[in-house]
Amino acid sequence: MHAFLMCPLVACLWDDFEANFRIPHIHVSIIQHKLQVYSLSSRVRDDRQLYTLVPTLTLWNIWKHKTLKPIVPLTVLWEPPPLVYLNLNVDGSSLCNPGVASGGGIVLIASSLPFVGFSTAFGVKSNMEAETLALET
């Protein structure tokens, strides 16, 4: 929602709208609140549609401007690491939170060949503590 309210270009659009329609500037962080302020700012009931339509069209144009940029394809290739690399995978968990916790891990050579594994119990811990302790083990 930041792009619809606070980026410099968009903020200028809202400021101009408020100035042209004589709407007092009220800082809001939720776009729905801004639209409600605009709708309720009309002193004449017949103008309420205009006070709602103009901001809605403004939002539509902001969205179009920000999302209709050309897509540039990017080719990404994956290459396995050399055999001298080691890959450490760890995990920790707890039964309930907190609860009985344990963790373990495995060291892989070149991301696929098991080198060494380990596991241990941690007692009663939270899931986040178990994750951290598994890494420290």
Protein backbone atom coordinates (compact mmCIF):
# COMPACT_ATOMS: atom_id res chain seq x y z
CA MET A 1 0.00 0.00 0.00
CA HIS A 2 3.01 2.30 0.36
CA ALA A 3 3.09 2.72 -3.43
CA PHE A 4 -0.49 4.03 -3.41
CA LEU A 5 0.04 6.58 -0.66
CA MET A 6 3.56 7.62 0.15
CA CYS A 7 5.94 7.40 -2.77
CA PRO A 8 6.90 10.96 -3.81
CA LEU A 9 5.10 11.02 -7.17
CA VAL A 10 1.89 9.58 -5.74
CA ALA A 11 1.98 11.90 -2.72
CA CYS A 12 2.05 14.85 -5.15
CA LEU A 13 -1.02 13.46 -6.95
CA TRP A 14 -2.97 13.21 -3.69
CA ASP A 15 -1.82 16.69 -2.62
CA ASP A 16 -3.01 18.16 -5.94
CA PHE A 17 -6.35 16.39 -5.66
CA GLU A 18 -6.86 17.66 -2.12
CA ALA A 19 -5.92 21.21 -3.13
CA ASN A 20 -8.18 21.26 -6.21
CA PHE A 21 -11.16 19.82 -4.34
CA ARG A 22 -10.48 21.87 -1.19
CA ILE A 23 -10.13 18.80 0.99
CA PRO A 24 -8.11 19.25 4.19
CA HIS A 25 -4.95 17.14 4.17
CA ILE A 26 -5.24 14.29 6.65
CA HIS A 27 -2.33 11.86 6.95
CA VAL A 28 -3.59 8.27 6.81
CA SER A 29 -1.65 5.07 6.24
CA ILE A 30 -4.52 2.98 4.84
CA ILE A 31 -5.88 3.79 1.39
CA GLN A 32 -9.46 2.86 2.36
CA HIS A 33 -9.38 5.56 5.05
CA LYS A 34 -8.20 8.15 2.52
CA LEU A 35 -11.06 7.23 0.17
CA GLN A 36 -13.56 7.50 3.04
CA VAL A 37 -12.24 10.96 3.93
CA TYR A 38 -12.62 12.05 0.30
CA SER A 39 -16.14 10.65 0.02
CA LEU A 40 -17.24 12.39 3.21
CA SER A 41 -15.56 15.68 2.25
CA SER A 42 -18.18 16.60 -0.32
CA ARG A 43 -20.54 19.24 0.99
CA VAL A 44 -23.06 18.52 -1.73
CA ARG A 45 -24.53 15.04 -1.96
CA ASP A 46 -24.41 15.01 -5.77
CA ASP A 47 -20.65 15.63 -5.72
CA ARG A 48 -19.91 12.53 -3.60
CA GLN A 49 -19.65 10.35 -6.69
CA LEU A 50 -17.05 12.71 -8.14
CA TYR A 51 -15.13 12.77 -4.85
CA THR A 52 -15.05 8.96 -4.97
CA LEU A 53 -14.56 8.49 -8.71
CA VAL A 54 -11.52 10.75 -9.14
CA PRO A 55 -9.44 9.02 -6.41
CA THR A 56 -10.50 5.61 -7.73
CA LEU A 57 -9.34 6.53 -11.23
CA THR A 58 -6.14 7.91 -9.74
CA LEU A 59 -5.51 4.59 -7.99
CA TRP A 60 -6.19 2.71 -11.22
CA ASN A 61 -3.66 4.83 -13.11
CA ILE A 62 -1.06 4.46 -10.37
CA TRP A 63 -1.51 0.69 -10.50
CA LYS A 64 -1.24 0.65 -14.30
CA HIS A 65 1.90 2.77 -14.21
CA LYS A 66 3.59 0.58 -11.60
CA THR A 67 2.62 -2.84 -13.00
CA LEU A 68 2.60 -2.50 -16.77
CA LYS A 69 6.34 -2.17 -17.16
CA PRO A 70 7.90 -4.44 -19.79
CA ILE A 71 9.00 -7.81 -18.48
CA VAL A 72 12.61 -8.58 -19.26
CA PRO A 73 13.28 -12.33 -19.17
CA LEU A 74 16.30 -13.37 -17.18
CA THR A 75 17.94 -16.73 -17.80
CA VAL A 76 19.36 -18.29 -14.66
CA LEU A 77 21.45 -21.44 -14.77
CA TRP A 78 22.26 -23.62 -11.78
CA GLU A 79 25.56 -25.41 -11.52
CA PRO A 80 26.36 -27.89 -8.78
CA PRO A 81 29.13 -26.79 -6.42
CA PRO A 82 32.59 -28.31 -6.73
CA LEU A 83 33.23 -31.54 -4.79
CA VAL A 84 35.30 -29.68 -2.19
CA TYR A 85 32.23 -27.84 -0.83
CA LEU A 86 30.37 -28.99 2.27
CA ASN A 87 26.68 -28.28 2.83
CA LEU A 88 25.28 -28.18 6.39
CA ASN A 89 21.54 -28.78 6.84
CA VAL A 90 20.08 -28.53 10.36
CA ASP A 91 16.60 -28.60 11.82
CA GLY A 92 15.11 -28.35 15.27
CA SER A 93 11.57 -28.85 16.51
CA SER A 94 9.50 -29.10 19.66
CA LEU A 95 6.39 -31.11 20.48
CA CYS A 96 4.00 -28.28 21.41
CA ASN A 97 5.55 -24.87 21.93
CA PRO A 98 7.35 -25.00 24.28
CA GLY A 99 7.68 -28.75 24.65
CA VAL A 100 10.05 -31.68 24.37
CA ALA A 101 12.57 -30.56 21.77
CA SER A 102 15.28 -32.09 19.66
CA GLY A 103 17.37 -31.27 16.67
CA GLY A 104 19.86 -32.63 14.26
CA GLY A 105 21.64 -32.14 11.04
CA ILE A 106 23.66 -33.59 8.24
CA VAL A 107 26.79 -32.49 6.43
CA LEU A 108 26.76 -33.23 2.72
CA ILE A 109 29.66 -33.25 0.30
CA ALA A 110 28.83 -31.26 -2.84
CA SER A 111 25.17 -31.01 -1.71
CA SER A 112 24.39 -34.70 -2.22
CA LEU A 113 26.85 -37.17 -0.63
CA PRO A 114 26.31 -37.72 3.13
CA PHE A 115 29.46 -37.07 5.14
CA VAL A 116 28.30 -37.00 8.77
CA GLY A 117 24.98 -36.71 10.63
CA PHE A 118 23.99 -35.88 14.19
CA SER A 119 20.95 -35.55 16.45
CA THR A 120 20.35 -34.65 20.08
CA ALA A 121 17.58 -33.97 22.59
CA PHE A 122 17.32 -30.51 24.15
CA GLY A 123 14.75 -31.03 26.91
CA VAL A 124 11.80 -28.63 27.09
CA LYS A 125 12.38 -25.74 24.68
CA SER A 126 10.47 -23.57 22.21
CA ASN A 127 10.64 -24.37 18.51
CA MET A 128 12.89 -21.32 17.91
CA GLU A 129 15.27 -22.41 20.67
CA ALA A 130 15.40 -25.92 19.15
CA GLU A 131 16.26 -24.47 15.72
CA THR A 132 19.06 -22.38 17.23
CA LEU A 133 20.42 -25.21 19.38
CA ALA A 134 20.47 -27.53 16.36
CA LEU A 135 22.69 -25.01 14.59
CA GLU A 136 24.97 -24.66 17.64
CA THR A 137 25.34 -28.45 18.00
